[in-house]
């Protein structure tokens, strides 16, 4: 289950990677514009992905019980929740996005570039919000390859159309940053259409399943939201904390900020191998709890899953090293100061995957069992009592180098480590609580 999810996640993050790569030849200001725009768009997309992730657990539990009514209810409730959230998010960006961009940008040119990119990227956010519901449904049912195929189909469209529109090839206007956003939208739209067609072929509209769990759709939606919000709050907290830190990073000098902007998507992409392994573990645990597996069977499965996660962490660390050394060829037009900042991240990246993957195993298993509050509390505490305030102190007060600022990602994982593992060793997750 994990490898299609990992490749799908890599291609999902490639939306930003492709845009950054193509516009890097336009200079550091263009890179900074996309970096600032993704701070705002990431907040909305992170929220919709968070609720879709919660829906994925509900679908997996329902799939384990083999109840079509429960599967149908989980899907439609998840769709309603995500549509409402993305509509609210787009409205907030329309009304408050420009003032935020002006506050974060080093210059009016950077703010203008970010605003133009973000205006079109709103369409990407809507398409991805709906696509994430289909993706979570298929993942919860164990059909993880379908979401991977959707990116395999749409990625060439994204790359080709972005390249043409950025540089104005074949008679099209030269749109620069805005062209990158349009290319991302064309890819996202194609992906949405593919997933919708595959869903319809698999289930139709669930017209052969009458009624709703808990009697009415509105009641079921309320109950699913009640189940989902701690899970979503965990991911929303992480997203908002990351975006808050990204906003703080904008106070670094332009070379250090460019280094952070360039490395973060690559860090997330390479880390997907280990993270999707832990996510697949959570899905299977949810299915096993739905089928009432014994405690010994659950522990045996967890033991094997943990060994696999460690191997994935080794591969991720090796990949990070390759990425750092490859940046001199991938981004050949960067200034020497930006290159040195990127190279200084390497020792941290060699250690980071190990505590991160172990914490992720714990978090996904706790959420799969329905123990959503514990995972939420650990993440919220690490995000808002450590990561954000310490980042602000390091950048705004003490003016530490970008290397020490980047090292805070490792220190954050170490603060969460004892709390997560204590909950897993308590064995309370052996019973389904949702």
Protein backbone atom coordinates (compact mmCIF):
# COMPACT_ATOMS: atom_id res chain seq x y z
CA UNK A 1 0.00 0.00 0.00
CA UNK A 2 2.78 2.43 0.85
CA UNK A 3 4.72 2.77 -2.40
CA UNK A 4 1.84 4.16 -4.53
CA UNK A 5 1.02 6.58 -1.70
CA UNK A 6 4.66 7.67 -1.55
CA UNK A 7 4.90 8.25 -5.28
CA UNK A 8 1.55 10.04 -5.28
CA UNK A 9 2.74 12.31 -2.48
CA UNK A 10 5.98 13.00 -4.37
CA UNK A 11 3.99 14.05 -7.41
CA UNK A 12 1.65 16.15 -5.28
CA UNK A 13 4.56 18.12 -3.85
CA UNK A 14 5.95 18.36 -7.38
CA UNK A 15 3.31 21.03 -8.05
CA UNK A 16 5.43 23.50 -6.12
CA UNK A 17 8.77 21.89 -7.04
CA UNK A 18 8.01 22.21 -10.75
CA UNK A 19 6.98 25.84 -10.38
CA UNK A 20 10.08 26.65 -8.31
CA UNK A 21 12.39 24.94 -10.78
CA UNK A 22 10.91 26.63 -13.83
CA UNK A 23 10.89 30.12 -12.31
CA UNK A 24 14.30 29.83 -10.61
CA UNK A 25 15.89 31.16 -13.81
CA UNK A 26 13.87 34.36 -13.28
CA UNK A 27 15.87 35.09 -10.13
CA UNK A 28 15.61 34.96 -6.33
CA UNK A 29 12.68 37.40 -6.25
CA UNK A 30 10.53 35.06 -8.33
CA UNK A 31 11.41 32.16 -6.02
CA UNK A 32 10.55 34.33 -3.00
CA UNK A 33 7.18 35.25 -4.55
CA UNK A 34 6.15 31.60 -4.87
CA UNK A 35 7.49 30.90 -1.38
CA UNK A 36 5.30 33.61 0.13
CA UNK A 37 2.23 32.63 -1.92
CA UNK A 38 2.51 29.02 -0.77
CA UNK A 39 2.49 30.18 2.87
CA UNK A 40 -1.11 31.30 2.38
CA UNK A 41 -2.30 28.60 -0.03
CA UNK A 42 -0.72 25.96 2.20
CA UNK A 43 -2.97 26.96 5.09
CA UNK A 44 -6.14 26.25 3.10
CA UNK A 45 -4.85 23.12 1.37
CA UNK A 46 -3.44 21.80 4.63
CA UNK A 47 -6.86 22.15 6.27
CA UNK A 48 -8.69 20.29 3.49
CA UNK A 49 -6.06 17.54 3.42
CA UNK A 50 -6.39 17.24 7.20
CA UNK A 51 -10.13 16.53 7.11
CA UNK A 52 -9.63 14.19 4.15
CA UNK A 53 -7.07 12.28 6.22
CA UNK A 54 -9.64 11.92 9.01
CA UNK A 55 -12.20 10.67 6.50
CA UNK A 56 -9.63 8.10 5.31
CA UNK A 57 -9.62 6.52 8.77
CA UNK A 58 -13.42 6.37 8.84
CA UNK A 59 -13.44 4.69 5.42
CA UNK A 60 -10.76 2.21 6.52
CA UNK A 61 -12.72 1.28 9.64
CA UNK A 62 -15.88 0.90 7.55
CA UNK A 63 -14.01 -1.17 4.98
CA UNK A 64 -12.82 -3.43 7.78
CA UNK A 65 -16.41 -4.06 8.90
CA UNK A 66 -17.50 -4.52 5.24
CA UNK A 67 -20.54 -2.28 5.74
CA UNK A 68 -21.53 -0.46 2.46
CA UNK A 69 -23.77 1.97 4.36
CA UNK A 70 -20.88 3.02 6.60
CA UNK A 71 -18.56 3.43 3.59
CA UNK A 72 -21.11 5.54 1.72
CA UNK A 73 -21.75 7.75 4.72
CA UNK A 74 -18.04 8.32 5.38
CA UNK A 75 -17.47 9.41 1.76
CA UNK A 76 -20.34 11.86 1.41
CA UNK A 77 -19.81 13.37 4.84
CA UNK A 78 -16.14 13.87 4.00
CA UNK A 79 -17.06 15.49 0.68
CA UNK A 80 -19.48 17.92 2.32
CA UNK A 81 -16.96 18.90 4.99
CA UNK A 82 -14.14 19.49 2.50
CA UNK A 83 -16.25 21.55 0.09
CA UNK A 84 -17.45 23.82 2.89
CA UNK A 85 -13.89 24.28 4.18
CA UNK A 86 -12.35 25.13 0.81
CA UNK A 87 -15.12 27.63 0.02
CA UNK A 88 -14.49 29.34 3.36
CA UNK A 89 -10.73 29.25 2.78
CA UNK A 90 -10.96 30.79 -0.69
CA UNK A 91 -13.18 33.57 0.66
CA UNK A 92 -10.66 34.36 3.41
CA UNK A 93 -7.79 34.46 0.91
CA UNK A 94 -9.71 36.78 -1.42
CA UNK A 95 -10.46 39.27 1.35
CA UNK A 96 -7.30 39.05 3.48
CA UNK A 97 -4.61 37.53 1.21
CA UNK A 98 -3.11 40.73 -0.19
CA UNK A 99 -2.49 42.44 3.19
CA UNK A 100 -0.70 39.30 4.39
CA UNK A 101 1.46 39.22 1.26
CA UNK A 102 2.39 42.87 1.73
CA UNK A 103 3.48 42.18 5.30
CA UNK A 104 5.65 39.19 4.38
CA UNK A 105 7.26 40.44 1.15
CA UNK A 106 10.65 42.18 1.05
CA UNK A 107 9.51 44.41 -1.82
CA UNK A 108 6.42 45.43 -3.79
CA UNK A 109 7.65 43.41 -6.76
CA UNK A 110 7.74 40.22 -4.69
CA UNK A 111 4.27 40.95 -3.26
CA UNK A 112 2.84 41.63 -6.73
CA UNK A 113 4.31 38.41 -8.11
CA UNK A 114 2.92 36.40 -5.20
CA UNK A 115 -0.53 37.99 -5.56
CA UNK A 116 -0.72 37.17 -9.27
CA UNK A 117 0.36 33.58 -8.67
CA UNK A 118 -2.05 33.12 -5.75
CA UNK A 119 -5.05 34.52 -7.65
CA UNK A 120 -4.89 31.66 -10.15
CA UNK A 121 -3.74 29.08 -7.59
CA UNK A 122 -7.12 29.43 -5.83
CA UNK A 123 -8.49 27.19 -8.59
CA UNK A 124 -5.84 24.58 -7.76
CA UNK A 125 -6.93 24.67 -4.11
CA UNK A 126 -10.56 23.93 -5.03
CA UNK A 127 -9.65 21.07 -7.36
CA UNK A 128 -7.26 19.52 -4.84
CA UNK A 129 -9.81 19.78 -2.01
CA UNK A 130 -12.27 17.60 -3.93
CA UNK A 131 -9.54 15.29 -5.27
CA UNK A 132 -8.32 14.64 -1.73
CA UNK A 133 -11.75 13.23 -0.82
CA UNK A 134 -11.60 10.71 -3.68
CA UNK A 135 -7.99 9.90 -2.81
CA UNK A 136 -8.79 9.28 0.86
CA UNK A 137 -11.72 7.05 -0.08
CA UNK A 138 -9.58 4.87 -2.35
CA UNK A 139 -6.74 4.77 0.21
CA UNK A 140 -9.12 3.73 2.98
CA UNK A 141 -10.32 0.87 0.79
CA UNK A 142 -6.73 -0.18 0.13
CA UNK A 143 -6.75 0.94 -3.53
CA UNK A 144 -3.79 3.30 -3.22
CA UNK A 145 -2.64 2.87 -6.84
CA UNK A 146 -5.54 4.88 -8.26
CA UNK A 147 -4.40 8.16 -6.70
CA UNK A 148 -0.87 7.47 -7.95
CA UNK A 149 -2.17 6.89 -11.48
CA UNK A 150 -4.03 10.22 -11.34
CA UNK A 151 -0.75 12.08 -10.77
CA UNK A 152 1.01 9.98 -13.38
CA UNK A 153 -1.55 11.21 -15.91
CA UNK A 154 -1.63 14.84 -14.80
CA UNK A 155 2.07 15.53 -14.11
CA UNK A 156 3.09 15.79 -17.79
CA UNK A 157 0.25 18.25 -18.35
CA UNK A 158 1.41 20.29 -15.38
CA UNK A 159 5.03 20.40 -16.54
CA UNK A 160 4.29 21.03 -20.22
CA UNK A 161 1.67 23.73 -19.77
CA UNK A 162 3.67 25.51 -17.05
CA UNK A 163 6.79 25.58 -19.23
CA UNK A 164 4.88 26.93 -22.22
CA UNK A 165 3.00 29.62 -20.29
CA UNK A 166 5.92 30.79 -18.13
CA UNK A 167 8.17 31.50 -21.12
CA UNK A 168 5.51 32.21 -23.76
CA UNK A 169 6.33 29.43 -26.22
CA UNK A 170 4.43 28.38 -29.37
CA UNK A 171 2.59 31.71 -29.66
CA UNK A 172 1.23 31.76 -26.09
CA UNK A 173 1.74 34.92 -23.98
CA UNK A 174 4.74 35.05 -21.61
CA UNK A 175 2.98 34.89 -18.22
CA UNK A 176 5.95 34.11 -15.90
CA UNK A 177 4.66 33.31 -12.37
CA UNK A 178 0.99 33.37 -13.40
CA UNK A 179 1.76 30.84 -16.13
CA UNK A 180 3.17 28.47 -13.52
CA UNK A 181 -0.09 28.68 -11.56
CA UNK A 182 -2.20 28.00 -14.67
CA UNK A 183 -0.09 24.95 -15.47
CA UNK A 184 -0.68 23.63 -11.96
CA UNK A 185 -4.43 24.12 -12.38
CA UNK A 186 -4.61 22.24 -15.68
CA UNK A 187 -2.83 19.29 -14.04
CA UNK A 188 -5.07 19.40 -10.94
CA UNK A 189 -8.24 19.53 -13.05
CA UNK A 190 -7.23 16.51 -15.10
CA UNK A 191 -6.44 14.60 -11.92
CA UNK A 192 -9.84 15.45 -10.43
CA UNK A 193 -11.67 14.26 -13.54
CA UNK A 194 -9.78 10.95 -13.57
CA UNK A 195 -10.53 10.23 -9.90
CA UNK A 196 -14.22 11.17 -10.32
CA UNK A 197 -14.56 8.79 -13.28
CA UNK A 198 -12.86 5.94 -11.39
CA UNK A 199 -15.08 6.50 -8.38
CA UNK A 200 -18.21 6.43 -10.52
CA UNK A 201 -17.09 3.20 -12.20
CA UNK A 202 -16.46 1.60 -8.81
CA UNK A 203 -19.50 2.75 -6.85
CA UNK A 204 -21.76 4.79 -9.12
CA UNK A 205 -23.30 7.26 -6.70
CA UNK A 206 -23.94 4.56 -4.08
CA UNK A 207 -27.51 4.54 -5.43
CA UNK A 208 -27.91 0.87 -4.50
CA UNK A 209 -27.24 1.69 -0.81
CA UNK A 210 -30.25 3.33 0.78
CA UNK A 211 -30.27 5.55 3.86
CA UNK A 212 -27.52 6.97 6.00
CA UNK A 213 -25.67 5.91 9.08
CA UNK A 214 -27.27 7.48 12.18
CA UNK A 215 -30.51 8.06 10.23
CA UNK A 216 -29.88 11.38 8.47
CA UNK A 217 -27.02 12.84 6.41
CA UNK A 218 -26.81 15.96 8.55
CA UNK A 219 -26.54 13.88 11.72
CA UNK A 220 -23.91 11.64 10.18
CA UNK A 221 -21.94 14.68 8.98
CA UNK A 222 -22.04 16.19 12.46
CA UNK A 223 -20.80 12.93 14.02
CA UNK A 224 -18.04 12.54 11.44
CA UNK A 225 -16.97 16.14 12.03
CA UNK A 226 -16.88 15.43 15.76
CA UNK A 227 -14.63 12.42 15.09
CA UNK A 228 -12.53 14.29 12.54
CA UNK A 229 -11.80 17.61 14.18
CA UNK A 230 -9.06 16.38 16.57
CA UNK A 231 -7.35 14.63 13.66
CA UNK A 232 -7.82 17.67 11.48
CA UNK A 233 -6.68 19.94 14.29
CA UNK A 234 -3.43 17.98 14.44
CA UNK A 235 -2.74 18.47 10.75
CA UNK A 236 -4.06 22.03 10.71
CA UNK A 237 -1.82 22.86 13.66
CA UNK A 238 1.19 21.41 11.85
CA UNK A 239 0.28 23.27 8.65
CA UNK A 240 -0.34 26.59 10.35
CA UNK A 241 2.78 26.20 12.48
CA UNK A 242 4.84 25.44 9.37
CA UNK A 243 3.32 28.41 7.55
CA UNK A 244 3.82 30.65 10.58
CA UNK A 245 7.47 29.59 10.63
CA UNK A 246 7.68 30.20 6.88
CA UNK A 247 6.36 33.70 7.47
CA UNK A 248 9.06 34.19 10.10
CA UNK A 249 11.69 32.87 7.66
CA UNK A 250 10.78 35.75 5.34
CA UNK A 251 12.69 37.98 7.79
CA UNK A 252 15.93 36.18 6.90
CA UNK A 253 18.04 37.79 4.21
CA UNK A 254 16.99 36.99 0.64
CA UNK A 255 19.68 34.31 0.17
CA UNK A 256 18.84 32.43 3.38
CA UNK A 257 15.09 32.70 2.71
CA UNK A 258 15.61 31.40 -0.83
CA UNK A 259 17.57 28.43 0.61
CA UNK A 260 14.71 27.59 3.01
CA UNK A 261 12.13 27.99 0.23
CA UNK A 262 14.05 25.68 -2.10
CA UNK A 263 14.88 22.93 0.41
CA UNK A 264 11.53 22.57 2.21
CA UNK A 265 9.55 21.04 -0.71
CA UNK A 266 12.43 18.61 -1.33
CA UNK A 267 12.51 17.66 2.37
CA UNK A 268 8.79 16.90 2.28
CA UNK A 269 9.04 14.98 -1.00
CA UNK A 270 11.91 12.74 0.10
CA UNK A 271 10.27 12.20 3.49
CA UNK A 272 7.13 10.83 1.87
CA UNK A 273 8.59 7.34 1.56
CA UNK A 274 8.79 6.97 5.33
CA UNK A 275 5.64 8.98 6.05
CA UNK A 276 3.40 7.05 3.66
CA UNK A 277 4.72 3.82 5.17
CA UNK A 278 3.40 5.03 8.53
CA UNK A 279 0.16 6.22 6.93
CA UNK A 280 -0.38 2.82 5.30
CA UNK A 281 0.31 1.26 8.71
CA UNK A 282 -2.45 3.39 10.20
CA UNK A 283 -4.92 2.41 7.47
CA UNK A 284 -4.22 -1.29 7.95
CA UNK A 285 -4.48 -0.97 11.74
CA UNK A 286 -7.89 0.71 11.29
CA UNK A 287 -9.03 -2.14 9.04
CA UNK A 288 -7.69 -4.74 11.48
CA UNK A 289 -9.50 -3.09 14.40
CA UNK A 290 -12.68 -3.07 12.31
CA UNK A 291 -12.23 -6.83 11.87
CA UNK A 292 -11.50 -7.31 15.61
CA UNK A 293 -7.96 -8.70 15.35
CA UNK A 294 -6.43 -9.89 18.62
CA UNK A 295 -3.86 -7.89 20.61
CA UNK A 296 -1.09 -10.36 19.73
CA UNK A 297 -1.85 -10.08 16.02
CA UNK A 298 -1.82 -6.29 16.24
CA UNK A 299 1.51 -6.26 18.11
CA UNK A 300 3.10 -8.64 15.60
CA UNK A 301 1.99 -6.45 12.72
CA UNK A 302 3.28 -3.32 14.47
CA UNK A 303 6.67 -4.93 15.06
CA UNK A 304 7.10 -5.65 11.36
CA UNK A 305 5.81 -2.22 10.38
CA UNK A 306 8.34 -0.54 12.69
CA UNK A 307 11.24 -2.47 11.16
CA UNK A 308 10.11 -1.40 7.70
CA UNK A 309 9.85 2.22 8.85
CA UNK A 310 13.48 2.18 10.04
CA UNK A 311 14.63 0.92 6.63
CA UNK A 312 12.57 3.68 4.99
CA UNK A 313 14.28 6.25 7.24
CA UNK A 314 17.71 5.06 6.08
CA UNK A 315 16.66 5.47 2.45
CA UNK A 316 15.26 8.94 3.15
CA UNK A 317 18.48 10.07 4.85
CA UNK A 318 20.50 8.86 1.85
CA UNK A 319 18.09 10.66 -0.50
CA UNK A 320 18.51 13.90 1.44
CA UNK A 321 22.26 13.70 0.92
CA UNK A 322 21.80 13.22 -2.83
CA UNK A 323 19.42 16.19 -2.97
CA UNK A 324 21.83 18.53 -1.20
CA UNK A 325 24.75 17.61 -3.44
CA UNK A 326 22.57 17.82 -6.56
CA UNK A 327 21.37 21.38 -5.93
CA UNK A 328 24.48 22.85 -7.58
CA UNK A 329 23.33 21.31 -10.89
CA UNK A 330 19.56 21.57 -10.42
CA UNK A 331 19.69 25.26 -9.46
CA UNK A 332 22.72 26.38 -11.43
CA UNK A 333 21.85 30.10 -11.34
CA UNK A 334 21.80 30.50 -7.53
CA UNK A 335 24.13 32.83 -5.65
CA UNK A 336 27.05 31.38 -3.65
CA UNK A 337 25.45 32.46 -0.34
CA UNK A 338 22.32 30.41 -1.13
CA UNK A 339 24.41 27.34 -2.02
CA UNK A 340 26.37 27.49 1.24
CA UNK A 341 23.15 27.69 3.24
CA UNK A 342 21.79 24.60 1.47
CA UNK A 343 24.98 22.64 2.16
CA UNK A 344 24.84 23.48 5.88
CA UNK A 345 21.51 21.61 6.18
CA UNK A 346 23.06 18.21 5.40
CA UNK A 347 24.07 17.00 8.92
CA UNK A 348 20.57 17.74 10.23
CA UNK A 349 18.90 15.94 7.33
CA UNK A 350 20.92 12.77 7.97
CA UNK A 351 19.46 12.45 11.50
CA UNK A 352 15.97 13.90 11.11
CA UNK A 353 14.23 10.92 9.38
CA UNK A 354 14.69 8.51 12.32
CA UNK A 355 12.81 10.26 15.15
CA UNK A 356 10.32 11.64 12.63
CA UNK A 357 9.29 8.25 11.22
CA UNK A 358 8.99 6.69 14.68
CA UNK A 359 6.76 9.53 15.86
CA UNK A 360 4.66 9.24 12.70
CA UNK A 361 4.09 5.51 13.30
CA UNK A 362 2.79 6.29 16.77
CA UNK A 363 0.55 9.13 15.62
CA UNK A 364 -1.08 7.20 12.79
CA UNK A 365 -1.74 4.15 14.98
CA UNK A 366 -3.31 6.27 17.72
CA UNK A 367 -5.57 8.01 15.21
CA UNK A 368 -6.52 4.67 13.61
CA UNK A 369 -7.74 3.40 16.97
CA UNK A 370 -9.78 6.55 17.59
CA UNK A 371 -7.42 7.98 20.23
CA UNK A 372 -7.38 11.28 18.40
CA UNK A 373 -7.01 13.58 21.40
CA UNK A 374 -3.61 12.26 22.52
CA UNK A 375 -2.04 12.71 19.09
CA UNK A 376 -3.57 16.18 18.80
CA UNK A 377 -2.30 17.31 22.20
CA UNK A 378 1.25 16.14 21.52
CA UNK A 379 1.41 17.90 18.17
CA UNK A 380 -0.19 21.10 19.42
CA UNK A 381 2.21 21.27 22.33
CA UNK A 382 5.26 20.71 20.13
CA UNK A 383 4.07 23.20 17.51
CA UNK A 384 2.96 26.11 19.63
CA UNK A 385 4.94 25.71 22.85
CA UNK A 386 8.23 24.94 21.10
CA UNK A 387 8.53 25.28 17.31
CA UNK A 388 6.85 28.60 16.55
CA UNK A 389 8.04 30.64 19.56
CA UNK A 390 11.61 29.29 19.41
CA UNK A 391 11.77 29.97 15.67
CA UNK A 392 10.61 33.54 16.30
CA UNK A 393 13.27 33.99 18.98
CA UNK A 394 16.02 32.55 16.79
CA UNK A 395 15.14 34.67 13.72
CA UNK A 396 13.66 37.88 15.08
CA UNK A 397 15.51 38.33 18.38
CA UNK A 398 18.84 36.49 18.31
CA UNK A 399 19.27 36.53 14.50
CA UNK A 400 20.80 33.03 14.43
CA UNK A 401 22.13 31.61 11.19
CA UNK A 402 19.73 29.72 8.93
CA UNK A 403 21.47 26.44 9.87
CA UNK A 404 20.38 26.69 13.52
CA UNK A 405 16.91 27.75 12.44
CA UNK A 406 16.64 24.65 10.25
CA UNK A 407 17.91 22.45 13.12
CA UNK A 408 14.73 23.26 15.06
CA UNK A 409 12.89 20.67 12.95
CA UNK A 410 15.04 17.97 14.54
CA UNK A 411 14.64 19.36 18.06
CA UNK A 412 10.84 19.44 17.59
CA UNK A 413 10.77 15.71 16.78
CA UNK A 414 12.87 14.95 19.85
CA UNK A 415 10.43 16.82 22.11
CA UNK A 416 7.51 14.70 20.80
CA UNK A 417 9.34 11.37 20.98
CA UNK A 418 8.78 10.36 24.64
CA UNK A 419 5.12 11.40 24.68
CA UNK A 420 4.17 9.44 21.56
CA UNK A 421 5.98 6.26 22.54
CA UNK A 422 4.55 6.27 26.05
CA UNK A 423 1.03 6.19 24.57
CA UNK A 424 1.87 3.30 22.24
CA UNK A 425 3.53 1.24 24.97
CA UNK A 426 0.41 1.62 27.13
CA UNK A 427 -1.39 -0.77 24.67
CA UNK A 428 -4.64 1.22 24.93
CA UNK A 429 -4.78 1.45 21.12
CA UNK A 430 -5.63 -2.28 20.88
CA UNK A 431 -9.35 -1.43 21.12
CA UNK A 432 -11.26 0.61 18.55
CA UNK A 433 -12.61 3.77 20.21
CA UNK A 434 -14.40 5.31 17.25
